[in-house]
Amino acid sequence: MSDFPWLSVLIALPLVGAVLLSAIPRERETLVKQFSLGVSLLVAVLAGVMAGGFDAGGARFQFTEKYWWIKEFGVHWALGVDGVALVLILLSVILVPLVMLASWSEADRSGGVDVPARGEAGRRHGGEAQRSVKTYFALLLTMEAAMIGVFAATDVFLFYVFFEAMLIPVYFIIGYYGGAQRSYAAVKFLLYSLFGGLLMLVAVIWLYPLSSRSVDKGGLGHGTFLFDELSKMNIDPTTAKWLFLGFFVAFAIKAPMVPVHTWLPDAAQQSPAGALVLIVGVLDKVGTYGMLRFCLELFPGAAKWATPVVLGFAVLSIIYGAVLAIGQVDMKRLIAYTSVSHFGFIVLGIFAMTSQGQSGAALYMVNHGFSTGALFLVVGFMIVRRRSARISDFGGVQKVAPVLAGMFLIAGLSALSLPGLSTFVSEFLVIVGTFSRYEWAGALAVSGVVLAAVYVLWMYQRTMGGPKVPAVEGMKDLSAREKWALAPIIAIIVAMGFFPQPVLHVINPSVDHTLARVDQRDPAPDITGNVAENGARP
């Protein structure tokens, strides 16, 4: 079973599916959707079978593949997954078919896209009837292939290729299928991402001559981009700091962190809701995954050097994102700012340098993907019905669409980390792990929990509670298709709230390896009650 090229197949299948869509006549839109959904379900099933063969107590990277790609430059087609990469791939392949099911009418010619309802610009946009359904679903499949590839790559140059390849489908989805200001949002997203990508490219290329140095000079004696080999280098501290910054800034933009977060609210406001689930729920996780995998393990000394500043920006992201979320009048922008706050928690856990913090951060990446995914899907269904994303255009929805309101409530409570739902476990681990080493950061981060209750409950009260506004009188409740798209996500949110151990069991060995690489151990109280640096995982 381990000899089968699982990861290459998982990357190739969506790409082959996207190519085969070109053979389906443009007018056969239902067949296009059914075929795309079938391909994504096949990928999910194969990924599940692969995951069943993962041994949490075995080798760190499993299902490995390594072939020469560009031999002259030491570039390999090298793939493999550890526990963190595996759960993020599973997150991706679960969300894609659900997004396709939820997006059944998002790009069709009847105008079933998210459009602004106010003003002439909204009416013009709603009148566009020539969007290609086939292209939309082909872009989703292409995005899926890039997401799997970026989490599976164990060659740093190959990782960079997938990192940049993700930009292509996202740019076209925002720019072609988005709202009235879609061109502005797409270009802004592209410019931010390219700026970060160029910085990382410089750092990636710099690694090759460093690895080519002799062993006595800190190199490997041969040029390579293989992650396992690069992590054995002894890079001088000054160079390591510059390389760390090249990677970190790119990942901070992708995450996104304050102050390089401003592309996300615009992209969220203009993107179709279904694609937005993948952009915020999965693609943005590449930033935090990259920090955990590359920033800490390739440059451990520089990571510890930068930790106080990174923690400061993480706390700033938590509070700033939450405060701005409270003031939003657009639901998609509000959820985007909540994600800025949540990503602050993830970065906080990563750089707390404790097993609880990093395990919580890795689990948070998964839980946030499902929680935010559910929120964006429900909001997308509301926008399709009301033709508006403005909070003030709703009110009393729970009286006419109780199932929709119930799904929205569960997703919202998950976003504010209610005990019994998935995000509570991850947020609790992050805060506990941070408190054990950086009390000041943990104390400030707790304010984000309080602010989360404000922005979630206030949004719910204004949209679902109160008297019915006339415009929602005839609003339909969720259809069977929409329930099927949301029910698995809600079930996962509840299940992982009560029983997160299976996921933590897979994540923890990778976290332990990362902590060992940065030479950090959990603080533990000594017999006098003081904190000592000799703890271990409880």
Protein backbone atom coordinates (compact mmCIF):
# COMPACT_ATOMS: atom_id res chain seq x y z
CA MET A 1 0.00 0.00 0.00
CA SER A 2 2.85 2.40 0.85
CA ASP A 3 4.39 1.89 -2.61
CA PHE A 4 1.34 3.31 -4.34
CA PRO A 5 1.86 6.98 -5.35
CA TRP A 6 -1.09 8.19 -3.33
CA LEU A 7 -0.16 11.86 -3.24
CA SER A 8 0.69 12.14 -6.94
CA VAL A 9 -2.65 10.52 -7.77
CA LEU A 10 -4.51 12.88 -5.45
CA ILE A 11 -2.87 15.86 -7.16
CA ALA A 12 -3.37 14.52 -10.69
CA LEU A 13 -7.03 13.49 -10.40
CA PRO A 14 -8.49 17.02 -10.01
CA LEU A 15 -6.23 18.31 -12.79
CA VAL A 16 -7.31 15.50 -15.13
CA GLY A 17 -10.91 16.18 -14.18
CA ALA A 18 -10.49 19.88 -14.99
CA VAL A 19 -9.05 19.00 -18.41
CA LEU A 20 -11.80 16.48 -19.16
CA LEU A 21 -14.43 19.13 -18.45
CA SER A 22 -13.38 20.77 -21.72
CA ALA A 23 -14.87 17.81 -23.60
CA ILE A 24 -18.33 18.42 -22.14
CA PRO A 25 -20.48 20.78 -24.24
CA ARG A 26 -20.90 24.20 -22.65
CA GLU A 27 -24.69 23.95 -22.58
CA ARG A 28 -24.62 20.67 -20.58
CA GLU A 29 -24.24 22.55 -17.31
CA THR A 30 -25.82 19.90 -15.10
CA LEU A 31 -23.43 17.27 -16.45
CA VAL A 32 -20.49 19.61 -15.81
CA LYS A 33 -21.54 19.97 -12.16
CA GLN A 34 -22.19 16.27 -11.70
CA PHE A 35 -18.86 15.29 -13.23
CA SER A 36 -16.94 17.82 -11.11
CA LEU A 37 -18.69 16.68 -7.96
CA GLY A 38 -17.93 13.06 -8.84
CA VAL A 39 -14.23 13.79 -9.31
CA SER A 40 -14.04 15.63 -6.00
CA LEU A 41 -15.82 12.79 -4.19
CA LEU A 42 -13.40 10.28 -5.72
CA VAL A 43 -10.46 12.36 -4.48
CA ALA A 44 -12.02 12.51 -1.00
CA VAL A 45 -12.53 8.75 -0.90
CA LEU A 46 -8.96 8.03 -2.02
CA ALA A 47 -7.60 10.49 0.53
CA GLY A 48 -9.62 8.75 3.22
CA VAL A 49 -8.23 5.37 2.20
CA MET A 50 -4.72 6.80 2.26
CA ALA A 51 -5.29 8.34 5.69
CA GLY A 52 -6.41 4.96 6.98
CA GLY A 53 -2.91 3.65 6.30
CA PHE A 54 -1.16 6.47 8.17
CA ASP A 55 0.75 5.28 11.25
CA ALA A 56 0.94 8.06 13.82
CA GLY A 57 3.71 6.21 15.61
CA GLY A 58 5.71 5.46 12.48
CA ALA A 59 8.05 7.50 10.32
CA ARG A 60 7.45 11.21 10.38
CA PHE A 61 6.82 11.56 6.63
CA GLN A 62 4.78 8.78 5.08
CA PHE A 63 3.49 7.96 1.58
CA THR A 64 6.74 9.51 0.37
CA GLU A 65 7.69 9.88 -3.29
CA LYS A 66 10.93 11.30 -4.67
CA TYR A 67 11.85 11.69 -8.34
CA TRP A 68 14.24 14.03 -10.07
CA TRP A 69 12.45 16.98 -11.66
CA ILE A 70 15.19 19.51 -12.55
CA LYS A 71 18.35 17.59 -11.74
CA GLU A 72 20.72 20.41 -12.72
CA PHE A 73 19.30 22.58 -9.94
CA GLY A 74 18.68 19.85 -7.36
CA VAL A 75 14.88 20.08 -7.65
CA HIS A 76 12.84 16.96 -6.92
CA TRP A 77 9.21 15.97 -7.30
CA ALA A 78 9.22 15.04 -3.61
CA LEU A 79 6.01 14.41 -1.70
CA GLY A 80 5.15 13.12 1.75
CA VAL A 81 2.88 13.91 4.68
CA ASP A 82 3.27 14.09 8.41
CA GLY A 83 0.34 14.41 10.79
CA VAL A 84 -0.21 18.15 10.28
CA ALA A 85 -0.05 17.96 6.48
CA LEU A 86 -2.36 14.94 6.46
CA VAL A 87 -5.17 16.59 8.42
CA LEU A 88 -4.94 19.72 6.26
CA ILE A 89 -5.20 17.62 3.09
CA LEU A 90 -8.23 15.88 4.57
CA LEU A 91 -9.74 19.28 5.38
CA SER A 92 -9.25 20.28 1.74
CA VAL A 93 -10.75 17.18 0.16
CA ILE A 94 -13.75 17.22 2.49
CA LEU A 95 -14.59 20.87 1.82
CA VAL A 96 -14.24 20.79 -1.98
CA PRO A 97 -17.23 18.49 -2.77
CA LEU A 98 -19.35 20.29 -0.16
CA VAL A 99 -18.46 23.63 -1.74
CA MET A 100 -19.40 22.28 -5.17
CA LEU A 101 -22.73 21.05 -3.84
CA ALA A 102 -23.39 24.41 -2.19
CA SER A 103 -22.26 26.28 -5.32
CA TRP A 104 -24.59 24.45 -7.69
CA SER A 105 -26.12 27.72 -8.88
CA GLU A 106 -23.25 30.07 -8.09
CA ALA A 107 -21.97 30.47 -11.66
CA ASP A 108 -24.89 29.48 -13.84
CA ARG A 109 -26.49 31.66 -16.50
CA SER A 110 -29.54 32.38 -14.42
CA GLY A 111 -27.51 34.78 -12.35
CA GLY A 112 -27.19 32.59 -9.28
CA VAL A 113 -24.01 34.32 -8.19
CA ASP A 114 -23.46 36.46 -5.14
CA VAL A 115 -24.27 39.99 -6.20
CA PRO A 116 -24.75 43.26 -4.41
CA ALA A 117 -28.40 44.24 -4.30
CA ARG A 118 -27.94 47.97 -3.92
CA GLY A 119 -27.55 50.41 -6.74
CA GLU A 120 -27.09 50.32 -10.47
CA ALA A 121 -23.76 48.48 -10.18
CA GLY A 122 -25.52 45.60 -8.49
CA ARG A 123 -28.24 45.44 -11.14
CA ARG A 124 -25.66 45.51 -13.91
CA HIS A 125 -23.68 42.74 -12.29
CA GLY A 126 -26.77 40.64 -11.71
CA GLY A 127 -27.57 41.00 -15.39
CA GLU A 128 -24.38 39.35 -16.56
CA ALA A 129 -25.52 36.02 -17.96
CA GLN A 130 -22.54 34.61 -19.79
CA ARG A 131 -20.41 33.25 -17.00
CA SER A 132 -19.10 29.82 -17.83
CA VAL A 133 -20.19 27.11 -15.39
CA LYS A 134 -17.59 24.80 -16.87
CA THR A 135 -14.76 27.24 -16.21
CA TYR A 136 -15.91 27.86 -12.64
CA PHE A 137 -15.87 24.18 -11.69
CA ALA A 138 -12.62 23.59 -13.58
CA LEU A 139 -11.04 26.36 -11.48
CA LEU A 140 -12.31 24.72 -8.29
CA LEU A 141 -10.73 21.41 -9.31
CA THR A 142 -7.47 23.15 -10.19
CA MET A 143 -7.51 24.85 -6.80
CA GLU A 144 -7.98 21.47 -5.12
CA ALA A 145 -4.92 20.03 -6.87
CA ALA A 146 -2.79 23.01 -5.78
CA MET A 147 -4.01 22.76 -2.18
CA ILE A 148 -3.10 19.08 -1.94
CA GLY A 149 0.25 19.72 -3.59
CA VAL A 150 1.28 22.57 -1.30
CA PHE A 151 0.66 20.52 1.84
CA ALA A 152 2.30 17.38 0.41
CA ALA A 153 5.49 18.94 -1.03
CA THR A 154 8.70 18.02 0.78
CA ASP A 155 10.94 19.82 -1.71
CA VAL A 156 11.05 23.53 -0.85
CA PHE A 157 11.16 24.62 -4.50
CA LEU A 158 8.20 22.37 -5.34
CA PHE A 159 6.36 23.86 -2.36
CA TYR A 160 6.99 27.31 -3.80
CA VAL A 161 5.62 26.23 -7.20
CA PHE A 162 2.37 25.04 -5.62
CA PHE A 163 2.31 28.10 -3.35
CA GLU A 164 2.27 30.38 -6.40
CA ALA A 165 0.10 28.09 -8.54
CA MET A 166 -2.75 28.57 -6.06
CA LEU A 167 -2.94 32.22 -7.08
CA ILE A 168 -4.11 31.43 -10.61
CA PRO A 169 -7.52 29.85 -9.97
CA VAL A 170 -8.23 32.20 -7.06
CA TYR A 171 -7.47 35.28 -9.15
CA PHE A 172 -9.81 34.21 -11.94
CA ILE A 173 -12.59 33.14 -9.57
CA ILE A 174 -12.56 36.51 -7.81
CA GLY A 175 -11.98 38.55 -10.98
CA TYR A 176 -14.56 36.79 -13.16
CA TYR A 177 -17.22 35.46 -10.78
CA GLY A 178 -17.06 38.06 -8.02
CA GLY A 179 -19.09 41.13 -7.11
CA ALA A 180 -19.19 44.63 -8.55
CA GLN A 181 -15.67 45.52 -7.35
CA ARG A 182 -14.24 42.14 -8.32
CA SER A 183 -11.42 43.49 -10.50
CA TYR A 184 -10.08 45.68 -7.70
CA ALA A 185 -10.26 42.83 -5.18
CA ALA A 186 -8.62 40.32 -7.55
CA VAL A 187 -5.72 42.63 -8.44
CA LYS A 188 -5.17 43.57 -4.79
CA PHE A 189 -5.10 39.89 -3.82
CA LEU A 190 -2.66 39.15 -6.63
CA LEU A 191 -0.30 42.03 -5.84
CA TYR A 192 -0.10 41.21 -2.14
CA SER A 193 0.47 37.53 -2.88
CA LEU A 194 3.07 38.18 -5.57
CA PHE A 195 5.00 40.54 -3.31
CA GLY A 196 5.19 37.88 -0.60
CA GLY A 197 5.94 35.19 -3.16
CA LEU A 198 8.86 37.14 -4.60
CA LEU A 199 10.40 37.58 -1.16
CA MET A 200 10.07 33.86 -0.54
CA LEU A 201 11.52 33.05 -3.97
CA VAL A 202 14.68 34.98 -3.11
CA ALA A 203 14.96 33.06 0.14
CA VAL A 204 14.29 29.71 -1.58
CA ILE A 205 16.95 30.32 -4.22
CA TRP A 206 19.39 31.46 -1.54
CA LEU A 207 19.09 28.06 0.12
CA TYR A 208 20.67 26.30 -2.88
CA PRO A 209 24.16 27.87 -2.72
CA LEU A 210 24.08 27.56 1.06
CA SER A 211 23.45 23.82 0.79
CA SER A 212 26.23 23.56 -1.82
CA ARG A 213 28.84 24.70 0.68
CA SER A 214 31.09 22.15 2.28
CA VAL A 215 29.99 20.55 5.54
CA ASP A 216 32.65 22.39 7.54
CA LYS A 217 31.12 25.67 6.34
CA GLY A 218 27.61 24.70 7.44
CA GLY A 219 26.43 23.30 4.10
CA LEU A 220 25.67 19.82 2.85
CA GLY A 221 28.32 19.47 0.17
CA HIS A 222 25.70 19.38 -2.59
CA GLY A 223 22.92 21.66 -3.75
CA THR A 224 19.39 20.56 -2.86
CA PHE A 225 15.92 21.82 -2.01
CA LEU A 226 14.81 18.71 -0.09
CA PHE A 227 13.29 19.77 3.22
CA ASP A 228 14.78 16.94 5.28
CA GLU A 229 18.29 17.71 4.07
CA LEU A 230 18.00 21.50 4.36
CA SER A 231 16.87 21.18 7.97
CA LYS A 232 20.28 19.64 8.78
CA MET A 233 22.24 22.71 7.65
CA ASN A 234 24.05 24.96 10.09
CA ILE A 235 23.28 28.43 8.71
CA ASP A 236 25.05 31.40 10.27
CA PRO A 237 22.69 33.49 12.45
CA THR A 238 22.65 36.64 10.32
CA THR A 239 21.87 34.79 7.10
CA ALA A 240 19.25 32.68 8.88
CA LYS A 241 17.46 35.82 10.07
CA TRP A 242 17.22 37.21 6.53
CA LEU A 243 15.99 33.88 5.20
CA PHE A 244 13.46 33.62 8.02
CA LEU A 245 12.09 37.05 7.15
CA GLY A 246 11.78 36.13 3.47
CA PHE A 247 9.65 33.11 4.33
CA PHE A 248 7.77 34.70 7.22
CA VAL A 249 6.56 37.80 5.38
CA ALA A 250 5.18 35.64 2.56
CA PHE A 251 3.37 33.43 5.06
CA ALA A 252 2.12 36.41 7.09
CA ILE A 253 0.51 37.86 3.95
CA LYS A 254 -1.08 34.53 3.11
CA ALA A 255 -2.29 33.90 6.67
CA PRO A 256 -3.15 36.94 6.83
CA MET A 257 -1.72 38.87 9.78
CA VAL A 258 -2.00 42.52 10.68
CA PRO A 259 -0.73 44.76 9.05
CA VAL A 260 -0.59 42.80 5.75
CA HIS A 261 -4.18 41.58 5.99
CA THR A 262 -6.07 44.19 4.01
CA TRP A 263 -6.47 42.10 0.86
CA LEU A 264 -8.72 39.60 2.68
CA PRO A 265 -11.78 41.75 3.54
CA ASP A 266 -11.97 43.03 -0.05
CA ALA A 267 -11.50 39.56 -1.50
CA ALA A 268 -14.11 38.17 0.89
CA GLN A 269 -16.66 40.83 0.01
CA GLN A 270 -16.29 40.25 -3.72
CA SER A 271 -15.74 36.47 -3.93
CA PRO A 272 -18.50 33.91 -4.49
CA ALA A 273 -19.31 32.40 -1.11
CA GLY A 274 -18.45 28.84 -2.13
CA ALA A 275 -14.98 29.69 -3.38
CA LEU A 276 -14.49 31.89 -0.33
CA VAL A 277 -14.81 28.79 1.86
CA LEU A 278 -11.70 27.38 0.18
CA ILE A 279 -9.81 30.70 0.13
CA VAL A 280 -10.22 31.38 3.86
CA GLY A 281 -10.81 27.83 5.07
CA VAL A 282 -7.86 26.18 3.30
CA LEU A 283 -5.62 28.43 1.20
CA ASP A 284 -4.93 30.88 4.01
CA LYS A 285 -3.83 27.94 6.18
CA VAL A 286 -0.80 27.61 3.91
CA GLY A 287 0.58 30.68 5.68
CA THR A 288 0.35 29.25 9.19
CA TYR A 289 1.36 25.78 7.97
CA GLY A 290 4.45 27.34 6.36
CA MET A 291 5.39 29.08 9.61
CA LEU A 292 5.17 25.82 11.54
CA ARG A 293 6.93 23.72 8.92
CA PHE A 294 9.54 25.97 7.30
CA CYS A 295 10.13 29.04 9.49
CA LEU A 296 10.63 27.05 12.68
CA GLU A 297 12.39 23.97 11.33
CA LEU A 298 14.69 25.50 8.71
CA PHE A 299 15.63 28.54 10.81
CA PRO A 300 15.13 27.59 14.49
CA GLY A 301 17.54 30.16 15.88
CA ALA A 302 16.02 32.99 13.84
CA ALA A 303 12.51 31.86 14.84
CA LYS A 304 13.38 32.17 18.53
CA TRP A 305 15.00 35.55 17.84
CA ALA A 306 11.81 36.82 16.18
CA THR A 307 9.35 35.28 18.66
CA PRO A 308 8.65 38.36 20.86
CA VAL A 309 7.84 40.51 17.82
CA VAL A 310 5.74 37.80 16.17
CA LEU A 311 3.78 37.27 19.38
CA GLY A 312 3.11 41.00 19.50
CA PHE A 313 1.72 41.02 15.96
CA ALA A 314 -0.32 37.88 16.73
CA VAL A 315 -1.95 39.57 19.73
CA LEU A 316 -2.51 42.70 17.63
CA SER A 317 -4.22 40.57 14.96
CA ILE A 318 -6.47 38.94 17.55
CA ILE A 319 -7.69 42.22 19.03
CA TYR A 320 -7.64 44.39 15.90
CA GLY A 321 -9.46 41.81 13.77
CA ALA A 322 -12.13 41.31 16.44
CA VAL A 323 -12.72 45.04 16.98
CA LEU A 324 -13.05 45.70 13.24
CA ALA A 325 -15.40 42.73 12.88
CA ILE A 326 -17.78 44.33 15.38
CA GLY A 327 -18.06 47.45 13.23
CA GLN A 328 -18.76 45.78 9.88
CA VAL A 329 -22.07 46.18 8.04
CA ASP A 330 -21.32 43.52 5.41
CA MET A 331 -21.55 39.90 6.60
CA LYS A 332 -18.73 38.59 4.43
CA ARG A 333 -16.37 41.37 5.52
CA LEU A 334 -17.32 40.70 9.13
CA ILE A 335 -16.43 37.00 8.86
CA ALA A 336 -13.20 37.92 7.06
CA TYR A 337 -12.14 40.11 9.99
CA THR A 338 -13.03 37.34 12.44
CA SER A 339 -10.63 35.16 10.48
CA VAL A 340 -7.86 37.74 10.91
CA SER A 341 -8.48 37.44 14.65
CA HIS A 342 -8.54 33.63 14.55
CA PHE A 343 -5.33 33.48 12.55
CA GLY A 344 -3.77 35.58 15.29
CA PHE A 345 -4.58 32.76 17.72
CA ILE A 346 -2.99 30.20 15.38
CA VAL A 347 0.23 32.20 15.03
CA LEU A 348 0.25 32.78 18.79
CA GLY A 349 0.11 29.03 19.39
CA ILE A 350 2.87 28.32 16.88
CA PHE A 351 5.32 30.81 18.36
CA ALA A 352 4.46 30.05 21.98
CA MET A 353 6.91 27.17 21.44
CA THR A 354 4.99 24.75 23.66
CA SER A 355 3.40 21.40 22.80
CA GLN A 356 -0.04 22.59 23.90
CA GLY A 357 0.26 25.79 21.88
CA GLN A 358 1.49 24.18 18.69
CA SER A 359 -0.91 21.22 18.89
CA GLY A 360 -3.72 23.70 19.49
CA ALA A 361 -2.56 25.83 16.56
CA ALA A 362 -2.47 22.84 14.19
CA LEU A 363 -5.90 21.71 15.40
CA TYR A 364 -7.15 25.30 15.08
CA MET A 365 -6.21 25.28 11.39
CA VAL A 366 -8.58 22.37 10.85
CA ASN A 367 -11.37 23.58 13.13
CA HIS A 368 -11.30 27.10 11.70
CA GLY A 369 -11.63 25.68 8.19
CA PHE A 370 -14.88 23.91 9.09
CA SER A 371 -16.26 26.66 11.33
CA THR A 372 -15.63 29.51 8.89
CA GLY A 373 -16.66 27.30 5.99
CA ALA A 374 -20.07 26.76 7.56
CA LEU A 375 -20.47 30.49 8.24
CA PHE A 376 -19.61 31.48 4.67
CA LEU A 377 -21.93 28.84 3.20
CA VAL A 378 -24.89 29.99 5.31
CA VAL A 379 -24.17 33.62 4.49
CA GLY A 380 -23.95 32.69 0.81
CA PHE A 381 -27.38 31.05 0.97
CA MET A 382 -28.75 34.19 2.63
CA ILE A 383 -27.24 36.43 -0.05
CA VAL A 384 -28.71 34.35 -2.86
CA ARG A 385 -32.17 34.73 -1.28
CA ARG A 386 -31.95 38.42 -0.38
CA ARG A 387 -29.47 39.65 -3.04
CA SER A 388 -27.62 41.54 -0.34
CA ALA A 389 -24.81 40.93 2.13
CA ARG A 390 -25.69 43.91 4.32
CA ILE A 391 -26.68 43.02 7.88
CA SER A 392 -29.30 45.78 7.94
CA ASP A 393 -31.19 44.15 5.05
CA PHE A 394 -32.05 41.15 7.24
CA GLY A 395 -34.04 40.66 10.42
CA GLY A 396 -36.33 38.00 11.84
CA VAL A 397 -34.98 35.32 9.49
CA GLN A 398 -35.39 32.62 12.16
CA LYS A 399 -39.15 33.05 11.93
CA VAL A 400 -39.26 32.17 8.21
CA ALA A 401 -36.17 29.95 7.84
CA PRO A 402 -35.58 28.16 11.17
CA VAL A 403 -33.22 25.50 9.80
CA LEU A 404 -31.01 28.13 8.16
CA ALA A 405 -31.03 30.13 11.40
CA GLY A 406 -30.12 27.02 13.42
CA MET A 407 -27.19 26.19 11.16
CA PHE A 408 -26.04 29.80 11.37
CA LEU A 409 -26.23 29.70 15.17
CA ILE A 410 -24.15 26.52 15.48
CA ALA A 411 -21.52 27.84 13.05
CA GLY A 412 -21.45 31.17 14.88
CA LEU A 413 -21.13 29.58 18.32
CA SER A 414 -18.27 27.51 16.94
CA ALA A 415 -16.59 30.73 15.77
CA LEU A 416 -16.77 32.13 19.32
CA SER A 417 -15.36 28.85 20.70
CA LEU A 418 -18.32 27.65 22.72
CA PRO A 419 -17.44 24.60 24.86
CA GLY A 420 -18.71 21.45 23.18
CA LEU A 421 -17.84 22.71 19.69
CA SER A 422 -14.59 22.07 17.87
CA THR A 423 -12.83 25.43 18.07
CA PHE A 424 -13.09 25.55 21.87
CA VAL A 425 -10.56 22.73 22.21
CA SER A 426 -8.01 24.32 19.90
CA GLU A 427 -8.40 27.82 21.33
CA PHE A 428 -8.12 26.50 24.89
CA LEU A 429 -4.90 24.64 24.04
CA VAL A 430 -3.43 27.75 22.39
CA ILE A 431 -4.21 29.98 25.37
CA VAL A 432 -2.96 27.45 27.94
CA GLY A 433 0.19 26.81 25.93
CA THR A 434 0.84 30.54 25.60
CA PHE A 435 0.21 31.29 29.29
CA SER A 436 2.75 28.68 30.34
CA ARG A 437 5.60 30.61 28.69
CA TYR A 438 4.36 34.13 27.78
CA GLU A 439 1.79 35.24 30.33
CA TRP A 440 1.45 38.71 28.89
CA ALA A 441 0.52 37.37 25.44
CA GLY A 442 -1.92 34.85 26.86
CA ALA A 443 -3.62 37.48 29.01
CA LEU A 444 -4.08 39.88 26.10
CA ALA A 445 -5.28 37.11 23.80
CA VAL A 446 -8.13 36.26 26.16
CA SER A 447 -9.73 39.58 25.24
CA GLY A 448 -10.27 38.14 21.77
CA VAL A 449 -12.56 35.50 23.26
CA VAL A 450 -14.76 38.20 24.80
CA LEU A 451 -14.84 40.24 21.60
CA ALA A 452 -15.76 37.12 19.61
CA ALA A 453 -18.94 36.74 21.64
CA VAL A 454 -19.82 40.34 20.79
CA TYR A 455 -19.38 40.16 17.01
CA VAL A 456 -20.97 36.73 16.59
CA LEU A 457 -24.00 37.18 18.82
CA TRP A 458 -24.66 40.73 17.65
CA MET A 459 -24.59 39.62 14.00
CA TYR A 460 -26.95 36.76 14.79
CA GLN A 461 -29.33 38.99 16.73
CA ARG A 462 -29.52 41.58 13.95
CA THR A 463 -30.02 39.08 11.11
CA MET A 464 -31.96 36.21 12.68
CA GLY A 465 -33.69 37.76 15.66
CA GLY A 466 -36.01 40.70 16.11
CA PRO A 467 -39.05 41.56 14.00
CA LYS A 468 -39.24 40.31 10.43
CA VAL A 469 -38.29 42.92 7.87
CA PRO A 470 -40.67 42.94 4.89
CA ALA A 471 -38.00 41.75 2.46
CA VAL A 472 -37.55 38.39 4.24
CA GLU A 473 -41.26 37.54 4.43
CA GLY A 474 -41.06 35.07 1.56
CA MET A 475 -37.54 33.79 2.22
CA LYS A 476 -37.27 30.04 1.71
CA ASP A 477 -35.58 27.76 4.19
CA LEU A 478 -32.66 25.55 3.23
CA SER A 479 -33.27 23.16 0.36
CA ALA A 480 -32.30 19.48 0.55
CA ARG A 481 -29.14 20.18 -1.47
CA GLU A 482 -28.11 23.00 0.87
CA LYS A 483 -28.73 20.84 3.93
CA TRP A 484 -26.54 18.10 2.46
CA ALA A 485 -23.79 20.67 1.90
CA LEU A 486 -23.92 21.97 5.48
CA ALA A 487 -24.81 18.88 7.54
CA PRO A 488 -21.40 17.14 7.29
CA ILE A 489 -19.58 20.30 8.38
CA ILE A 490 -21.91 20.83 11.34
CA ALA A 491 -21.52 17.17 12.31
CA ILE A 492 -17.71 17.48 12.26
CA ILE A 493 -17.83 20.67 14.33
CA VAL A 494 -19.90 18.93 17.02
CA ALA A 495 -18.00 15.62 16.90
CA MET A 496 -14.58 17.26 17.21
CA GLY A 497 -15.86 19.40 20.05
CA PHE A 498 -16.43 16.29 22.15
CA PHE A 499 -13.78 13.96 20.75
CA PRO A 500 -10.74 15.75 19.27
CA GLN A 501 -8.27 13.07 20.39
CA PRO A 502 -8.09 11.17 17.06
CA VAL A 503 -6.89 14.31 15.30
CA LEU A 504 -4.53 15.30 18.12
CA HIS A 505 -3.10 11.77 18.10
CA VAL A 506 -2.07 12.33 14.49
CA ILE A 507 -0.82 15.89 15.01
CA ASN A 508 1.19 15.51 18.23
CA PRO A 509 4.20 13.52 16.91
CA SER A 510 4.85 16.18 14.26
CA VAL A 511 4.59 18.94 16.86
CA ASP A 512 7.04 17.11 19.12
CA HIS A 513 9.50 16.89 16.23
CA THR A 514 9.19 20.63 15.56
CA LEU A 515 9.78 21.50 19.21
CA ALA A 516 12.83 19.26 19.28
CA ARG A 517 14.16 21.01 16.19
CA VAL A 518 13.86 24.45 17.81
CA ASP A 519 15.28 23.00 21.05
CA GLN A 520 12.27 23.89 23.18
CA ARG A 521 10.54 21.96 25.93
CA ASP A 522 7.35 22.68 27.82
CA PRO A 523 7.76 24.79 30.97
CA ALA A 524 6.68 22.94 34.10
CA PRO A 525 6.27 24.13 37.69
CA ASP A 526 9.00 23.04 40.06
CA ILE A 527 8.47 22.13 43.71
CA THR A 528 8.46 25.80 44.72
CA GLY A 529 5.75 26.65 42.21
CA ASN A 530 8.07 28.50 39.87
CA VAL A 531 8.23 27.71 36.19
CA ALA A 532 11.16 25.60 35.04
CA GLU A 533 12.22 24.76 31.50
CA ASN A 534 12.16 21.02 32.01
CA GLY A 535 8.62 20.03 31.32
CA ALA A 536 7.24 17.47 28.95
CA ARG A 537 3.93 16.83 27.27
CA PRO A 538 1.34 16.10 29.98
